[in-house]
Amino acid sequence: MARKRYHSHYEQLKNKWIVRHQDLKNNLWRKHGQSLNWLANNVKQLAAGSAAGLLLLTSSAPPSLPSFKNFQANAAQVGKPIEKSVFLITDLLNVLPKEIQSLNKDEEQKIVKILSRTFDLKVSAELDGKRLNRNYGIIGAEQHLARYPGDTMATHFDLSINSGQVNSLDTYGSGMAPGLGAWGYFASSRAQLTEEDKLREKYYIAVQTFLAEDFNKRFAEYRDFYKYRKMLVVNPQNGKAVVAVIGDSGPAVWTGKHLGGSPEVMRYLGREDGARRGPVLYFFIDDPKNQVPLGPIAVQ
């Protein structure tokens, strides 16, 4: 009886949504019907006992993905809009493999569609006939990169070390990398440093370009293609995403990581648990006119 009662309650809420928000019928259900159907079909897994029970995922969910413990379905929340990131998380959950491994063609195509429609971007695993060795892997923390000759932690944030503000902005206390990024300085001098240069360093990722097929055979071509190439980086555990550029090459295979993120990228994606690493999706953004801004991007 409890099972039927919860199922009926969910169906009633769904119907109220359709009546109150007519646009959901054409937009929300069109974009996230798979996730909503999943919720309806798995309603038996709602934590029973009270209206304040927690919404839990099945035990078969990949250990790297969320358990939904943070989404409470209590009486105070009934009628409030569901966070859009919930739909992204469940959409991805239905497609991602249980293990953090390279995606097969089917998984890759489905995820490209999900990300493209969710963020209203033209997302692709392959661009101009080029692709990375993978687009689902473990990200680790990187350090700040020198943007021009003489750049330091003090000048990096346009603050004085004596002010005490540098440390608060230096996420993880990562400091400056001892070497330059794969493409050297972002600008030849501080006077020539542009806002775009600042954003490129702020929101950069390091990817294993050297593992791309034919990279060594077509080194100059691939080097120029990957330089500051825009990518969408998504944390499938919380739905947060960042538009970043490829600003460096790495990490080494022996590290067990597949890419690295700047301190700002890691902070926004929610990798502040001390491990500084976790699974992310990363795909090319087709933006030939440079219209997509760098930085955090919200679910549309």
C-alpha atoms as a PDB file:
ATOM      1  CA  MET A   1       0.000   0.000   0.000  1.00  0.00           C
ATOM      2  CA  ALA A   2       2.848   2.393   0.830  1.00  0.00           C
ATOM      3  CA  ARG A   3       4.352   1.706  -2.561  1.00  0.00           C
ATOM      4  CA  LYS A   4       1.111   2.596  -4.360  1.00  0.00           C
ATOM      5  CA  ARG A   5       0.610   5.658  -2.181  1.00  0.00           C
ATOM      6  CA  TYR A   6       4.057   7.068  -3.050  1.00  0.00           C
ATOM      7  CA  HIS A   7       3.553   6.315  -6.721  1.00  0.00           C
ATOM      8  CA  SER A   8       0.159   8.044  -6.698  1.00  0.00           C
ATOM      9  CA  HIS A   9       1.605  11.043  -4.875  1.00  0.00           C
ATOM     10  CA  TYR A  10       4.370  11.402  -7.464  1.00  0.00           C
ATOM     11  CA  GLU A  11       1.910  11.170 -10.348  1.00  0.00           C
ATOM     12  CA  GLN A  12      -0.265  13.845  -8.721  1.00  0.00           C
ATOM     13  CA  LEU A  13       2.721  16.175  -8.382  1.00  0.00           C
ATOM     14  CA  LYS A  14       3.668  15.560 -12.007  1.00  0.00           C
ATOM     15  CA  ASN A  15       0.146  16.385 -13.170  1.00  0.00           C
ATOM     16  CA  LYS A  16       0.073  19.581 -11.113  1.00  0.00           C
ATOM     17  CA  TRP A  17       3.326  20.635 -12.703  1.00  0.00           C
ATOM     18  CA  ILE A  18       1.889  20.168 -16.186  1.00  0.00           C
ATOM     19  CA  VAL A  19      -1.220  22.187 -15.323  1.00  0.00           C
ATOM     20  CA  ARG A  20       0.659  25.052 -13.645  1.00  0.00           C
ATOM     21  CA  HIS A  21       3.515  25.194 -16.114  1.00  0.00           C
ATOM     22  CA  GLN A  22       2.307  24.526 -19.625  1.00  0.00           C
ATOM     23  CA  ASP A  23       5.743  25.136 -21.086  1.00  0.00           C
ATOM     24  CA  LEU A  24       7.077  22.105 -19.223  1.00  0.00           C
ATOM     25  CA  LYS A  25       5.085  19.889 -21.535  1.00  0.00           C
ATOM     26  CA  ASN A  26       6.972  21.185 -24.541  1.00  0.00           C
ATOM     27  CA  ASN A  27      10.360  21.922 -22.956  1.00  0.00           C
ATOM     28  CA  LEU A  28      11.081  20.171 -19.665  1.00  0.00           C
ATOM     29  CA  TRP A  29       9.551  16.831 -20.612  1.00  0.00           C
ATOM     30  CA  ARG A  30      11.024  16.995 -24.088  1.00  0.00           C
ATOM     31  CA  LYS A  31      14.517  17.597 -22.715  1.00  0.00           C
ATOM     32  CA  HIS A  32      14.381  15.437 -19.577  1.00  0.00           C
ATOM     33  CA  GLY A  33      11.631  12.903 -20.168  1.00  0.00           C
ATOM     34  CA  GLN A  34      14.067  10.044 -19.675  1.00  0.00           C
ATOM     35  CA  SER A  35      15.047  11.285 -16.238  1.00  0.00           C
ATOM     36  CA  LEU A  36      11.475  11.958 -15.124  1.00  0.00           C
ATOM     37  CA  ASN A  37      10.375   8.536 -16.333  1.00  0.00           C
ATOM     38  CA  TRP A  38      13.284   7.051 -14.405  1.00  0.00           C
ATOM     39  CA  LEU A  39      12.065   8.778 -11.254  1.00  0.00           C
ATOM     40  CA  ALA A  40       8.512   7.571 -11.817  1.00  0.00           C
ATOM     41  CA  ASN A  41       9.559   3.991 -12.567  1.00  0.00           C
ATOM     42  CA  ASN A  42      11.875   3.858  -9.565  1.00  0.00           C
ATOM     43  CA  VAL A  43       9.573   5.509  -7.078  1.00  0.00           C
ATOM     44  CA  LYS A  44       9.596   2.294  -5.067  1.00  0.00           C
ATOM     45  CA  GLN A  45      13.098   3.317  -4.028  1.00  0.00           C
ATOM     46  CA  LEU A  46      11.957   6.458  -2.292  1.00  0.00           C
ATOM     47  CA  ALA A  47      12.890   6.275   1.337  1.00  0.00           C
ATOM     48  CA  ALA A  48       9.636   5.392   3.068  1.00  0.00           C
ATOM     49  CA  GLY A  49       8.499   6.547   6.484  1.00  0.00           C
ATOM     50  CA  SER A  50       7.443  10.169   6.046  1.00  0.00           C
ATOM     51  CA  ALA A  51       7.058  12.965   3.539  1.00  0.00           C
ATOM     52  CA  ALA A  52      10.512  14.129   4.615  1.00  0.00           C
ATOM     53  CA  GLY A  53      12.202  10.944   3.439  1.00  0.00           C
ATOM     54  CA  LEU A  54      15.349  11.210   1.361  1.00  0.00           C
ATOM     55  CA  LEU A  55      15.365  10.474  -2.337  1.00  0.00           C
ATOM     56  CA  LEU A  56      17.914   7.718  -2.904  1.00  0.00           C
ATOM     57  CA  LEU A  57      19.351   6.202  -6.034  1.00  0.00           C
ATOM     58  CA  THR A  58      19.471   2.484  -6.654  1.00  0.00           C
ATOM     59  CA  SER A  59      22.280   0.439  -5.213  1.00  0.00           C
ATOM     60  CA  SER A  60      23.405  -0.254  -8.779  1.00  0.00           C
ATOM     61  CA  ALA A  61      24.454   3.377  -9.297  1.00  0.00           C
ATOM     62  CA  PRO A  62      28.152   3.858 -10.063  1.00  0.00           C
ATOM     63  CA  PRO A  63      30.122   4.562  -6.865  1.00  0.00           C
ATOM     64  CA  SER A  64      31.580   7.652  -8.515  1.00  0.00           C
ATOM     65  CA  LEU A  65      28.160   9.237  -8.971  1.00  0.00           C
ATOM     66  CA  PRO A  66      25.878  10.897  -6.393  1.00  0.00           C
ATOM     67  CA  SER A  67      23.448   9.160  -4.057  1.00  0.00           C
ATOM     68  CA  PHE A  68      21.025  12.098  -4.066  1.00  0.00           C
ATOM     69  CA  LYS A  69      21.266  12.311  -0.264  1.00  0.00           C
ATOM     70  CA  ASN A  70      21.307  16.076  -0.592  1.00  0.00           C
ATOM     71  CA  PHE A  71      17.898  16.271  -2.272  1.00  0.00           C
ATOM     72  CA  GLN A  72      15.219  16.124   0.447  1.00  0.00           C
ATOM     73  CA  ALA A  73      11.621  15.652  -0.583  1.00  0.00           C
ATOM     74  CA  ASN A  74       9.995  17.130   2.486  1.00  0.00           C
ATOM     75  CA  ALA A  75       6.726  18.969   2.845  1.00  0.00           C
ATOM     76  CA  ALA A  76       8.407  22.373   2.862  1.00  0.00           C
ATOM     77  CA  GLN A  77       9.856  21.711  -0.579  1.00  0.00           C
ATOM     78  CA  VAL A  78       6.745  20.396  -2.281  1.00  0.00           C
ATOM     79  CA  GLY A  79       5.765  22.744  -5.074  1.00  0.00           C
ATOM     80  CA  LYS A  80       9.202  24.332  -5.394  1.00  0.00           C
ATOM     81  CA  PRO A  81      10.986  24.043  -8.738  1.00  0.00           C
ATOM     82  CA  ILE A  82      13.338  21.084  -8.976  1.00  0.00           C
ATOM     83  CA  GLU A  83      16.959  22.123  -9.448  1.00  0.00           C
ATOM     84  CA  LYS A  84      17.787  21.833 -13.138  1.00  0.00           C
ATOM     85  CA  SER A  85      21.064  20.145 -12.270  1.00  0.00           C
ATOM     86  CA  VAL A  86      19.085  17.159 -10.953  1.00  0.00           C
ATOM     87  CA  PHE A  87      17.904  16.404 -14.475  1.00  0.00           C
ATOM     88  CA  LEU A  88      21.432  16.660 -15.845  1.00  0.00           C
ATOM     89  CA  ILE A  89      22.739  14.330 -13.142  1.00  0.00           C
ATOM     90  CA  THR A  90      20.067  11.712 -13.790  1.00  0.00           C
ATOM     91  CA  ASP A  91      20.409  12.056 -17.578  1.00  0.00           C
ATOM     92  CA  LEU A  92      24.123  11.333 -17.279  1.00  0.00           C
ATOM     93  CA  LEU A  93      23.572   8.569 -14.746  1.00  0.00           C
ATOM     94  CA  ASN A  94      21.486   6.683 -17.283  1.00  0.00           C
ATOM     95  CA  VAL A  95      24.359   6.718 -19.783  1.00  0.00           C
ATOM     96  CA  LEU A  96      27.708   6.751 -17.970  1.00  0.00           C
ATOM     97  CA  PRO A  97      29.459   3.412 -17.385  1.00  0.00           C
ATOM     98  CA  LYS A  98      29.743   2.157 -13.829  1.00  0.00           C
ATOM     99  CA  GLU A  99      33.516   2.435 -13.968  1.00  0.00           C
ATOM    100  CA  ILE A 100      35.478   5.546 -14.883  1.00  0.00           C
ATOM    101  CA  GLN A 101      36.673   4.428 -18.279  1.00  0.00           C
ATOM    102  CA  SER A 102      36.755   5.532 -21.908  1.00  0.00           C
ATOM    103  CA  LEU A 103      33.298   5.950 -23.375  1.00  0.00           C
ATOM    104  CA  ASN A 104      32.152   3.785 -26.243  1.00  0.00           C
ATOM    105  CA  LYS A 105      30.665   5.400 -29.350  1.00  0.00           C
ATOM    106  CA  ASP A 106      27.069   4.985 -28.198  1.00  0.00           C
ATOM    107  CA  GLU A 107      27.730   6.461 -24.760  1.00  0.00           C
ATOM    108  CA  GLU A 108      29.729   9.274 -26.293  1.00  0.00           C
ATOM    109  CA  GLN A 109      26.976  10.237 -28.745  1.00  0.00           C
ATOM    110  CA  LYS A 110      24.288  10.190 -26.067  1.00  0.00           C
ATOM    111  CA  ILE A 111      26.341  12.365 -23.717  1.00  0.00           C
ATOM    112  CA  VAL A 112      27.120  14.839 -26.511  1.00  0.00           C
ATOM    113  CA  LYS A 113      23.366  15.251 -27.064  1.00  0.00           C
ATOM    114  CA  ILE A 114      22.708  15.679 -23.338  1.00  0.00           C
ATOM    115  CA  LEU A 115      25.397  18.302 -22.870  1.00  0.00           C
ATOM    116  CA  SER A 116      24.564  20.169 -26.076  1.00  0.00           C
ATOM    117  CA  ARG A 117      20.902  20.602 -25.188  1.00  0.00           C
ATOM    118  CA  THR A 118      21.505  21.157 -21.468  1.00  0.00           C
ATOM    119  CA  PHE A 119      23.987  23.990 -21.938  1.00  0.00           C
ATOM    120  CA  ASP A 120      22.729  25.194 -25.328  1.00  0.00           C
ATOM    121  CA  LEU A 121      26.175  24.702 -26.862  1.00  0.00           C
ATOM    122  CA  LYS A 122      27.543  22.856 -29.835  1.00  0.00           C
ATOM    123  CA  VAL A 123      29.486  20.166 -28.009  1.00  0.00           C
ATOM    124  CA  SER A 124      31.526  17.525 -29.791  1.00  0.00           C
ATOM    125  CA  ALA A 125      33.937  14.680 -29.103  1.00  0.00           C
ATOM    126  CA  GLU A 126      35.640  15.322 -32.418  1.00  0.00           C
ATOM    127  CA  LEU A 127      36.428  18.622 -34.103  1.00  0.00           C
ATOM    128  CA  ASP A 128      38.169  19.161 -37.442  1.00  0.00           C
ATOM    129  CA  GLY A 129      38.913  15.450 -37.547  1.00  0.00           C
ATOM    130  CA  LYS A 130      40.753  15.574 -34.220  1.00  0.00           C
ATOM    131  CA  ARG A 131      39.876  14.132 -30.843  1.00  0.00           C
ATOM    132  CA  LEU A 132      41.475  13.449 -27.491  1.00  0.00           C
ATOM    133  CA  ASN A 133      42.364  10.002 -26.225  1.00  0.00           C
ATOM    134  CA  ARG A 134      39.255  10.095 -24.000  1.00  0.00           C
ATOM    135  CA  ASN A 135      36.589  12.482 -22.715  1.00  0.00           C
ATOM    136  CA  TYR A 136      35.620  10.919 -19.385  1.00  0.00           C
ATOM    137  CA  GLY A 137      38.293  10.623 -16.734  1.00  0.00           C
ATOM    138  CA  ILE A 138      39.850  11.639 -13.450  1.00  0.00           C
ATOM    139  CA  ILE A 139      40.774  15.293 -12.999  1.00  0.00           C
ATOM    140  CA  GLY A 140      43.425  16.466 -10.567  1.00  0.00           C
ATOM    141  CA  ALA A 141      44.479  19.883  -9.280  1.00  0.00           C
ATOM    142  CA  GLU A 142      47.001  21.988 -11.183  1.00  0.00           C
ATOM    143  CA  GLN A 143      48.881  25.108 -10.110  1.00  0.00           C
ATOM    144  CA  HIS A 144      48.575  28.670 -11.364  1.00  0.00           C
ATOM    145  CA  LEU A 145      50.519  29.348 -14.558  1.00  0.00           C
ATOM    146  CA  ALA A 146      52.767  32.345 -15.156  1.00  0.00           C
ATOM    147  CA  ARG A 147      50.928  34.618 -17.582  1.00  0.00           C
ATOM    148  CA  TYR A 148      53.901  36.752 -18.591  1.00  0.00           C
ATOM    149  CA  PRO A 149      57.596  37.029 -17.678  1.00  0.00           C
ATOM    150  CA  GLY A 150      57.904  38.054 -14.040  1.00  0.00           C
ATOM    151  CA  ASP A 151      54.379  37.048 -13.037  1.00  0.00           C
ATOM    152  CA  THR A 152      54.212  35.983  -9.362  1.00  0.00           C
ATOM    153  CA  MET A 153      51.538  35.109  -6.846  1.00  0.00           C
ATOM    154  CA  ALA A 154      51.535  38.752  -5.753  1.00  0.00           C
ATOM    155  CA  THR A 155      50.942  40.069  -9.262  1.00  0.00           C
ATOM    156  CA  HIS A 156      48.712  37.167 -10.208  1.00  0.00           C
ATOM    157  CA  PHE A 157      45.771  38.567  -8.283  1.00  0.00           C
ATOM    158  CA  ASP A 158      46.848  42.209  -8.526  1.00  0.00           C
ATOM    159  CA  LEU A 159      47.203  42.170  -4.753  1.00  0.00           C
ATOM    160  CA  SER A 160      50.023  42.490  -2.278  1.00  0.00           C
ATOM    161  CA  ILE A 161      51.183  39.432  -0.400  1.00  0.00           C
ATOM    162  CA  ASN A 162      51.332  41.610   2.712  1.00  0.00           C
ATOM    163  CA  SER A 163      47.589  42.268   2.433  1.00  0.00           C
ATOM    164  CA  GLY A 164      46.894  38.662   3.338  1.00  0.00           C
ATOM    165  CA  GLN A 165      44.405  38.348   0.481  1.00  0.00           C
ATOM    166  CA  VAL A 166      46.596  36.293  -1.809  1.00  0.00           C
ATOM    167  CA  ASN A 167      46.373  33.188   0.325  1.00  0.00           C
ATOM    168  CA  SER A 168      42.580  33.385   0.442  1.00  0.00           C
ATOM    169  CA  LEU A 169      42.443  33.449  -3.345  1.00  0.00           C
ATOM    170  CA  ASP A 170      45.121  30.826  -3.872  1.00  0.00           C
ATOM    171  CA  THR A 171      42.844  27.805  -3.813  1.00  0.00           C
ATOM    172  CA  TYR A 172      44.440  24.777  -2.103  1.00  0.00           C
ATOM    173  CA  GLY A 173      47.578  26.888  -1.521  1.00  0.00           C
ATOM    174  CA  SER A 174      48.649  25.615  -4.928  1.00  0.00           C
ATOM    175  CA  GLY A 175      51.043  28.456  -5.719  1.00  0.00           C
ATOM    176  CA  MET A 176      52.697  28.975  -9.091  1.00  0.00           C
ATOM    177  CA  ALA A 177      53.818  26.129 -11.317  1.00  0.00           C
ATOM    178  CA  PRO A 178      57.629  25.918 -11.561  1.00  0.00           C
ATOM    179  CA  GLY A 179      57.446  25.819 -15.355  1.00  0.00           C
ATOM    180  CA  LEU A 180      55.335  27.339 -18.103  1.00  0.00           C
ATOM    181  CA  GLY A 181      52.259  25.911 -19.751  1.00  0.00           C
ATOM    182  CA  ALA A 182      52.595  23.930 -22.971  1.00  0.00           C
ATOM    183  CA  TRP A 183      52.278  27.105 -25.042  1.00  0.00           C
ATOM    184  CA  GLY A 184      54.497  29.314 -22.932  1.00  0.00           C
ATOM    185  CA  TYR A 185      53.359  32.644 -21.541  1.00  0.00           C
ATOM    186  CA  PHE A 186      49.853  33.891 -22.212  1.00  0.00           C
ATOM    187  CA  ALA A 187      51.245  37.364 -22.971  1.00  0.00           C
ATOM    188  CA  SER A 188      54.713  38.717 -23.695  1.00  0.00           C
ATOM    189  CA  SER A 189      54.514  41.307 -20.892  1.00  0.00           C
ATOM    190  CA  ARG A 190      52.245  42.560 -18.137  1.00  0.00           C
ATOM    191  CA  ALA A 191      51.354  45.612 -20.220  1.00  0.00           C
ATOM    192  CA  GLN A 192      50.114  43.370 -23.019  1.00  0.00           C
ATOM    193  CA  LEU A 193      48.100  41.070 -20.761  1.00  0.00           C
ATOM    194  CA  THR A 194      44.440  41.179 -21.859  1.00  0.00           C
ATOM    195  CA  GLU A 195      41.283  40.165 -20.022  1.00  0.00           C
ATOM    196  CA  GLU A 196      41.057  37.167 -22.317  1.00  0.00           C
ATOM    197  CA  ASP A 197      44.584  36.155 -21.305  1.00  0.00           C
ATOM    198  CA  LYS A 198      43.610  36.401 -17.637  1.00  0.00           C
ATOM    199  CA  LEU A 199      40.531  34.255 -18.173  1.00  0.00           C
ATOM    200  CA  ARG A 200      42.457  31.676 -20.155  1.00  0.00           C
ATOM    201  CA  GLU A 201      44.863  31.139 -17.284  1.00  0.00           C
ATOM    202  CA  LYS A 202      42.093  31.300 -14.696  1.00  0.00           C
ATOM    203  CA  TYR A 203      39.980  28.672 -16.415  1.00  0.00           C
ATOM    204  CA  TYR A 204      42.488  26.312 -17.994  1.00  0.00           C
ATOM    205  CA  ILE A 205      42.778  22.552 -18.060  1.00  0.00           C
ATOM    206  CA  ALA A 206      45.715  20.309 -18.873  1.00  0.00           C
ATOM    207  CA  VAL A 207      44.854  17.382 -21.130  1.00  0.00           C
ATOM    208  CA  GLN A 208      46.846  14.453 -22.462  1.00  0.00           C
ATOM    209  CA  THR A 209      47.277  15.820 -25.970  1.00  0.00           C
ATOM    210  CA  PHE A 210      50.323  13.586 -26.416  1.00  0.00           C
ATOM    211  CA  LEU A 211      48.075  10.511 -26.272  1.00  0.00           C
ATOM    212  CA  ALA A 212      45.848  11.652 -29.139  1.00  0.00           C
ATOM    213  CA  GLU A 213      46.040   9.464 -32.228  1.00  0.00           C
ATOM    214  CA  ASP A 214      48.639  10.684 -34.756  1.00  0.00           C
ATOM    215  CA  PHE A 215      49.827  13.450 -32.399  1.00  0.00           C
ATOM    216  CA  ASN A 216      53.497  12.670 -32.939  1.00  0.00           C
ATOM    217  CA  LYS A 217      53.074  12.279 -36.702  1.00  0.00           C
ATOM    218  CA  ARG A 218      51.271  15.619 -37.050  1.00  0.00           C
ATOM    219  CA  PHE A 219      52.799  17.450 -34.107  1.00  0.00           C
ATOM    220  CA  ALA A 220      52.671  21.051 -35.412  1.00  0.00           C
ATOM    221  CA  GLU A 221      49.110  20.673 -36.675  1.00  0.00           C
ATOM    222  CA  TYR A 222      47.846  19.167 -33.427  1.00  0.00           C
ATOM    223  CA  ARG A 223      49.822  21.629 -31.294  1.00  0.00           C
ATOM    224  CA  ASP A 224      48.180  24.586 -33.008  1.00  0.00           C
ATOM    225  CA  PHE A 225      44.735  22.981 -32.897  1.00  0.00           C
ATOM    226  CA  TYR A 226      44.802  22.259 -29.163  1.00  0.00           C
ATOM    227  CA  LYS A 227      46.215  25.644 -28.134  1.00  0.00           C
ATOM    228  CA  TYR A 228      43.556  27.384 -26.003  1.00  0.00           C
ATOM    229  CA  ARG A 229      40.873  25.149 -27.508  1.00  0.00           C
ATOM    230  CA  LYS A 230      37.600  25.668 -25.635  1.00  0.00           C
ATOM    231  CA  MET A 231      36.164  22.731 -23.762  1.00  0.00           C
ATOM    232  CA  LEU A 232      33.138  22.058 -21.605  1.00  0.00           C
ATOM    233  CA  VAL A 233      34.127  20.378 -18.347  1.00  0.00           C
ATOM    234  CA  VAL A 234      31.285  18.831 -16.324  1.00  0.00           C
ATOM    235  CA  ASN A 235      31.223  17.259 -12.884  1.00  0.00           C
ATOM    236  CA  PRO A 236      28.596  14.486 -13.224  1.00  0.00           C
ATOM    237  CA  GLN A 237      28.266  14.262  -9.456  1.00  0.00           C
ATOM    238  CA  ASN A 238      26.808  17.736  -8.951  1.00  0.00           C
ATOM    239  CA  GLY A 239      25.981  19.010 -12.434  1.00  0.00           C
ATOM    240  CA  LYS A 240      28.413  21.937 -12.251  1.00  0.00           C
ATOM    241  CA  ALA A 241      30.185  22.882 -15.453  1.00  0.00           C
ATOM    242  CA  VAL A 242      32.919  25.229 -16.638  1.00  0.00           C
ATOM    243  CA  VAL A 243      33.945  26.474 -20.059  1.00  0.00           C
ATOM    244  CA  ALA A 244      37.729  26.205 -20.035  1.00  0.00           C
ATOM    245  CA  VAL A 245      40.617  26.246 -22.485  1.00  0.00           C
ATOM    246  CA  ILE A 246      43.379  23.732 -23.008  1.00  0.00           C
ATOM    247  CA  GLY A 247      46.270  25.633 -21.444  1.00  0.00           C
ATOM    248  CA  ASP A 248      48.726  22.857 -20.761  1.00  0.00           C
ATOM    249  CA  SER A 249      49.607  19.275 -21.589  1.00  0.00           C
ATOM    250  CA  GLY A 250      49.438  16.504 -19.015  1.00  0.00           C
ATOM    251  CA  PRO A 251      49.247  14.865 -16.560  1.00  0.00           C
ATOM    252  CA  ALA A 252      51.660  11.971 -16.989  1.00  0.00           C
ATOM    253  CA  VAL A 253      50.077   8.552 -17.426  1.00  0.00           C
ATOM    254  CA  TRP A 254      51.708   7.169 -14.283  1.00  0.00           C
ATOM    255  CA  THR A 255      49.753   9.622 -12.088  1.00  0.00           C
ATOM    256  CA  GLY A 256      46.510   7.774 -12.722  1.00  0.00           C
ATOM    257  CA  LYS A 257      44.844  11.052 -13.676  1.00  0.00           C
ATOM    258  CA  HIS A 258      43.613  11.918 -17.154  1.00  0.00           C
ATOM    259  CA  LEU A 259      43.521  15.708 -16.990  1.00  0.00           C
ATOM    260  CA  GLY A 260      44.201  18.580 -14.624  1.00  0.00           C
ATOM    261  CA  GLY A 261      42.271  21.707 -13.711  1.00  0.00           C
ATOM    262  CA  SER A 262      43.328  25.174 -12.597  1.00  0.00           C
ATOM    263  CA  PRO A 263      42.609  26.061  -8.954  1.00  0.00           C
ATOM    264  CA  GLU A 264      39.562  28.051 -10.065  1.00  0.00           C
ATOM    265  CA  VAL A 265      38.238  25.206 -12.207  1.00  0.00           C
ATOM    266  CA  MET A 266      38.652  22.723  -9.372  1.00  0.00           C
ATOM    267  CA  ARG A 267      37.010  25.024  -6.870  1.00  0.00           C
ATOM    268  CA  TYR A 268      33.927  25.612  -8.991  1.00  0.00           C
ATOM    269  CA  LEU A 269      33.515  21.956  -9.928  1.00  0.00           C
ATOM    270  CA  GLY A 270      33.455  21.104  -6.238  1.00  0.00           C
ATOM    271  CA  ARG A 271      36.756  19.256  -5.969  1.00  0.00           C
ATOM    272  CA  GLU A 272      37.619  20.713  -2.556  1.00  0.00           C
ATOM    273  CA  ASP A 273      37.281  17.554  -0.521  1.00  0.00           C
ATOM    274  CA  GLY A 274      41.012  17.199   0.002  1.00  0.00           C
ATOM    275  CA  ALA A 275      41.425  14.536  -2.661  1.00  0.00           C
ATOM    276  CA  ARG A 276      41.549  17.191  -5.367  1.00  0.00           C
ATOM    277  CA  ARG A 277      40.500  14.650  -7.935  1.00  0.00           C
ATOM    278  CA  GLY A 278      37.380  13.014  -9.278  1.00  0.00           C
ATOM    279  CA  PRO A 279      35.518  12.108 -12.491  1.00  0.00           C
ATOM    280  CA  VAL A 280      34.604  14.726 -15.080  1.00  0.00           C
ATOM    281  CA  LEU A 281      33.400  14.849 -18.647  1.00  0.00           C
ATOM    282  CA  TYR A 282      35.300  17.067 -21.057  1.00  0.00           C
ATOM    283  CA  PHE A 283      34.270  17.774 -24.641  1.00  0.00           C
ATOM    284  CA  PHE A 284      35.180  20.261 -27.357  1.00  0.00           C
ATOM    285  CA  ILE A 285      33.021  23.346 -27.839  1.00  0.00           C
ATOM    286  CA  ASP A 286      32.598  24.323 -31.476  1.00  0.00           C
ATOM    287  CA  ASP A 287      32.921  28.107 -31.181  1.00  0.00           C
ATOM    288  CA  PRO A 288      34.639  29.457 -34.326  1.00  0.00           C
ATOM    289  CA  LYS A 289      33.504  33.050 -33.666  1.00  0.00           C
ATOM    290  CA  ASN A 290      34.705  33.007 -30.037  1.00  0.00           C
ATOM    291  CA  GLN A 291      31.261  33.831 -28.658  1.00  0.00           C
ATOM    292  CA  VAL A 292      31.155  31.421 -25.706  1.00  0.00           C
ATOM    293  CA  PRO A 293      32.554  33.114 -22.565  1.00  0.00           C
ATOM    294  CA  LEU A 294      35.030  31.312 -20.323  1.00  0.00           C
ATOM    295  CA  GLY A 295      34.093  30.420 -16.780  1.00  0.00           C
ATOM    296  CA  PRO A 296      31.185  28.725 -14.971  1.00  0.00           C
ATOM    297  CA  ILE A 297      28.163  27.976 -17.116  1.00  0.00           C
ATOM    298  CA  ALA A 298      24.652  27.299 -15.830  1.00  0.00           C
ATOM    299  CA  VAL A 299      22.223  24.624 -16.923  1.00  0.00           C
ATOM    300  CA  GLN A 300      19.783  26.111 -19.433  1.00  0.00           C
END
